[in-house]
């Protein structure tokens, strides 16, 4: 199984032990479900479902979103 990096994609480089579980993202001004999901390689529907939100829900700065590990979403 190969892994590819796409131009413009962000990479997470851990500086300590990697935790196997969901990550948490703090919403910034201007963020949308679609923009956050896209940065994480997810769909807005998946991100909404994991966070018990409707797919069209607005986000508020400071709101915390659970970002599921890829292996849970795309096994």
N, C-alpha and C. Protein backbone atom coordinates (compact mmCIF):
# COMPACT_ATOMS: atom_id res chain seq x y z
N UNK A 1 0.85 -1.17 0.00
CA UNK A 1 0.00 0.00 0.00
C UNK A 1 0.90 1.23 0.00
N UNK A 2 0.73 2.08 -1.01
CA UNK A 2 1.53 3.28 -1.09
C UNK A 2 0.80 4.48 -0.56
N UNK A 3 1.55 5.45 -0.15
CA UNK A 3 0.99 6.70 0.33
C UNK A 3 1.55 7.82 -0.54
N UNK A 4 0.72 8.77 -0.88
CA UNK A 4 1.13 9.86 -1.74
C UNK A 4 0.89 11.19 -1.06
N UNK A 5 1.73 12.15 -1.36
CA UNK A 5 1.56 13.51 -0.88
C UNK A 5 1.13 14.35 -2.08
N UNK A 6 0.08 15.12 -1.89
CA UNK A 6 -0.45 15.97 -2.94
C UNK A 6 0.03 17.39 -2.71
N UNK A 7 0.38 18.10 -3.79
CA UNK A 7 0.84 19.48 -3.66
C UNK A 7 -0.16 20.30 -2.86
N UNK A 8 0.33 21.04 -1.88
CA UNK A 8 -0.52 21.87 -1.04
C UNK A 8 -1.09 21.16 0.17
N UNK A 9 -0.92 19.85 0.24
CA UNK A 9 -1.44 19.07 1.37
C UNK A 9 -0.60 19.35 2.60
N UNK A 10 -1.25 19.49 3.75
CA UNK A 10 -0.53 19.66 5.00
C UNK A 10 -0.06 18.31 5.52
N UNK A 11 1.06 18.31 6.18
CA UNK A 11 1.58 17.08 6.79
C UNK A 11 1.69 17.28 8.29
N UNK A 12 1.33 16.25 9.02
CA UNK A 12 1.47 16.26 10.47
C UNK A 12 2.74 15.51 10.81
N UNK A 13 3.68 16.20 11.44
CA UNK A 13 4.93 15.57 11.85
C UNK A 13 4.98 15.62 13.37
N UNK A 14 4.76 14.48 14.01
CA UNK A 14 4.70 14.47 15.47
C UNK A 14 6.06 14.75 16.08
N UNK A 15 6.06 15.48 17.20
CA UNK A 15 7.30 15.73 17.93
C UNK A 15 7.34 14.93 19.22
N UNK A 16 6.29 14.16 19.45
CA UNK A 16 6.25 13.28 20.61
C UNK A 16 5.49 12.02 20.20
N UNK A 17 5.17 11.19 21.14
CA UNK A 17 4.49 9.93 20.86
C UNK A 17 3.15 10.18 20.18
N UNK A 18 2.89 9.43 19.13
CA UNK A 18 1.63 9.56 18.40
C UNK A 18 0.53 8.86 19.18
N UNK A 19 -0.59 9.53 19.35
CA UNK A 19 -1.74 8.95 20.03
C UNK A 19 -2.68 8.36 18.99
N UNK A 20 -3.14 7.16 19.17
CA UNK A 20 -4.06 6.52 18.24
C UNK A 20 -5.48 6.80 18.69
N UNK A 21 -6.05 7.82 18.16
CA UNK A 21 -7.40 8.22 18.49
C UNK A 21 -7.72 9.47 17.72
N UNK A 22 -8.88 10.01 17.93
CA UNK A 22 -9.24 11.21 17.17
C UNK A 22 -8.43 12.42 17.57
N UNK A 23 -8.23 13.30 16.62
CA UNK A 23 -7.61 14.59 16.87
C UNK A 23 -8.72 15.59 17.11
N UNK A 24 -8.39 16.71 17.68
CA UNK A 24 -9.36 17.76 17.93
C UNK A 24 -8.85 19.03 17.26
N UNK A 25 -9.75 19.75 16.59
CA UNK A 25 -9.41 20.98 15.89
C UNK A 25 -10.24 22.11 16.46
N UNK A 26 -9.59 23.24 16.75
CA UNK A 26 -10.30 24.42 17.22
C UNK A 26 -10.65 25.29 16.02
N UNK A 27 -11.94 25.54 15.83
CA UNK A 27 -12.43 26.30 14.70
C UNK A 27 -11.90 27.74 14.76
N UNK A 28 -11.45 28.22 13.60
CA UNK A 28 -10.96 29.58 13.44
C UNK A 28 -12.01 30.40 12.68
N UNK A 29 -11.94 31.70 12.80
CA UNK A 29 -12.85 32.58 12.09
C UNK A 29 -12.79 32.29 10.58
N UNK A 30 -13.94 32.13 9.96
CA UNK A 30 -14.01 31.86 8.53
C UNK A 30 -14.04 30.39 8.17
N UNK A 31 -13.79 29.50 9.13
CA UNK A 31 -13.84 28.06 8.86
C UNK A 31 -15.27 27.62 8.58
N UNK A 32 -15.41 26.64 7.71
CA UNK A 32 -16.68 25.97 7.45
C UNK A 32 -16.44 24.47 7.58
N UNK A 33 -17.52 23.71 7.71
CA UNK A 33 -17.35 22.25 7.74
C UNK A 33 -16.61 21.79 6.50
N UNK A 34 -16.98 22.34 5.35
CA UNK A 34 -16.35 21.93 4.09
C UNK A 34 -14.86 22.27 4.07
N UNK A 35 -14.49 23.47 4.54
CA UNK A 35 -13.08 23.85 4.49
C UNK A 35 -12.23 23.02 5.46
N UNK A 36 -12.74 22.78 6.65
CA UNK A 36 -12.00 21.97 7.62
C UNK A 36 -11.90 20.53 7.14
N UNK A 37 -13.01 19.99 6.66
CA UNK A 37 -13.01 18.62 6.15
C UNK A 37 -12.03 18.46 5.00
N UNK A 38 -12.04 19.42 4.09
CA UNK A 38 -11.14 19.35 2.94
C UNK A 38 -9.68 19.35 3.35
N UNK A 39 -9.33 20.14 4.37
CA UNK A 39 -7.95 20.17 4.86
C UNK A 39 -7.54 18.84 5.48
N UNK A 40 -8.53 18.08 5.93
CA UNK A 40 -8.26 16.79 6.59
C UNK A 40 -8.46 15.61 5.66
N UNK A 41 -8.83 15.87 4.41
CA UNK A 41 -9.05 14.79 3.46
C UNK A 41 -10.34 14.05 3.70
N UNK A 42 -11.31 14.71 4.32
CA UNK A 42 -12.61 14.11 4.61
C UNK A 42 -13.70 14.85 3.84
N UNK A 43 -14.90 14.31 3.87
CA UNK A 43 -16.04 15.04 3.32
C UNK A 43 -16.71 15.81 4.46
N UNK A 44 -17.43 16.85 4.09
CA UNK A 44 -18.16 17.62 5.10
C UNK A 44 -19.20 16.75 5.80
N UNK A 45 -19.81 15.82 5.06
CA UNK A 45 -20.81 14.93 5.67
C UNK A 45 -20.20 14.05 6.75
N UNK A 46 -19.01 13.51 6.50
CA UNK A 46 -18.35 12.67 7.51
C UNK A 46 -18.00 13.51 8.73
N UNK A 47 -17.42 14.69 8.51
CA UNK A 47 -17.06 15.54 9.64
C UNK A 47 -18.29 15.94 10.45
N UNK A 48 -19.38 16.26 9.76
CA UNK A 48 -20.63 16.61 10.45
C UNK A 48 -21.15 15.43 11.27
N UNK A 49 -21.17 14.25 10.69
CA UNK A 49 -21.68 13.06 11.37
C UNK A 49 -20.88 12.76 12.63
N UNK A 50 -19.56 12.80 12.53
CA UNK A 50 -18.69 12.50 13.67
C UNK A 50 -18.92 13.49 14.81
N UNK A 51 -19.28 14.73 14.46
CA UNK A 51 -19.46 15.77 15.46
C UNK A 51 -20.92 16.05 15.80
N UNK A 52 -21.82 15.16 15.37
CA UNK A 52 -23.25 15.30 15.65
C UNK A 52 -23.80 16.66 15.20
N UNK A 53 -23.39 17.07 14.00
CA UNK A 53 -23.85 18.32 13.42
C UNK A 53 -24.60 18.02 12.13
N UNK A 54 -25.44 18.95 11.69
CA UNK A 54 -26.04 18.80 10.38
C UNK A 54 -25.00 19.23 9.36
N UNK A 55 -25.03 18.66 8.14
CA UNK A 55 -24.03 18.98 7.12
C UNK A 55 -23.96 20.47 6.78
N UNK A 56 -25.04 21.22 6.98
CA UNK A 56 -25.05 22.64 6.69
C UNK A 56 -24.81 23.52 7.90
N UNK A 57 -24.42 22.93 9.01
CA UNK A 57 -24.25 23.68 10.25
C UNK A 57 -23.15 24.73 10.12
N UNK A 58 -23.38 25.88 10.73
CA UNK A 58 -22.34 26.90 10.81
C UNK A 58 -21.42 26.59 11.97
N UNK A 59 -20.21 27.10 11.90
CA UNK A 59 -19.23 26.88 12.96
C UNK A 59 -18.90 28.20 13.63
N UNK A 60 -18.52 28.13 14.89
CA UNK A 60 -18.17 29.33 15.67
C UNK A 60 -16.70 29.26 16.06
N UNK A 61 -15.97 30.38 15.95
CA UNK A 61 -14.58 30.38 16.40
C UNK A 61 -14.49 29.87 17.84
N UNK A 62 -13.52 29.02 18.07
CA UNK A 62 -13.33 28.42 19.39
C UNK A 62 -14.02 27.09 19.56
N UNK A 63 -14.97 26.77 18.67
CA UNK A 63 -15.67 25.49 18.72
C UNK A 63 -14.66 24.38 18.45
N UNK A 64 -14.80 23.27 19.14
CA UNK A 64 -13.89 22.14 18.97
C UNK A 64 -14.55 21.08 18.09
N UNK A 65 -13.82 20.60 17.09
CA UNK A 65 -14.30 19.54 16.21
C UNK A 65 -13.42 18.31 16.37
N UNK A 66 -14.03 17.14 16.44
CA UNK A 66 -13.29 15.89 16.45
C UNK A 66 -12.97 15.54 15.00
N UNK A 67 -11.70 15.27 14.72
CA UNK A 67 -11.25 14.85 13.40
C UNK A 67 -10.91 13.37 13.52
N UNK A 68 -11.73 12.50 12.91
CA UNK A 68 -11.48 11.06 13.08
C UNK A 68 -10.24 10.61 12.33
N UNK A 69 -9.53 9.60 12.86
CA UNK A 69 -8.39 9.05 12.14
C UNK A 69 -8.85 8.46 10.80
N UNK A 70 -8.03 8.60 9.78
CA UNK A 70 -8.38 8.10 8.44
C UNK A 70 -8.74 6.62 8.46
N UNK A 71 -8.04 5.84 9.27
CA UNK A 71 -8.28 4.39 9.24
C UNK A 71 -9.68 4.04 9.74
N UNK A 72 -10.32 4.94 10.52
CA UNK A 72 -11.68 4.70 10.96
C UNK A 72 -12.68 5.03 9.87
N UNK A 73 -12.34 6.01 9.04
CA UNK A 73 -13.25 6.49 8.00
C UNK A 73 -13.07 5.71 6.72
N UNK A 74 -11.82 5.47 6.34
CA UNK A 74 -11.48 4.80 5.08
C UNK A 74 -10.61 3.58 5.39
N UNK A 75 -11.22 2.49 5.90
CA UNK A 75 -10.42 1.33 6.31
C UNK A 75 -9.73 0.64 5.14
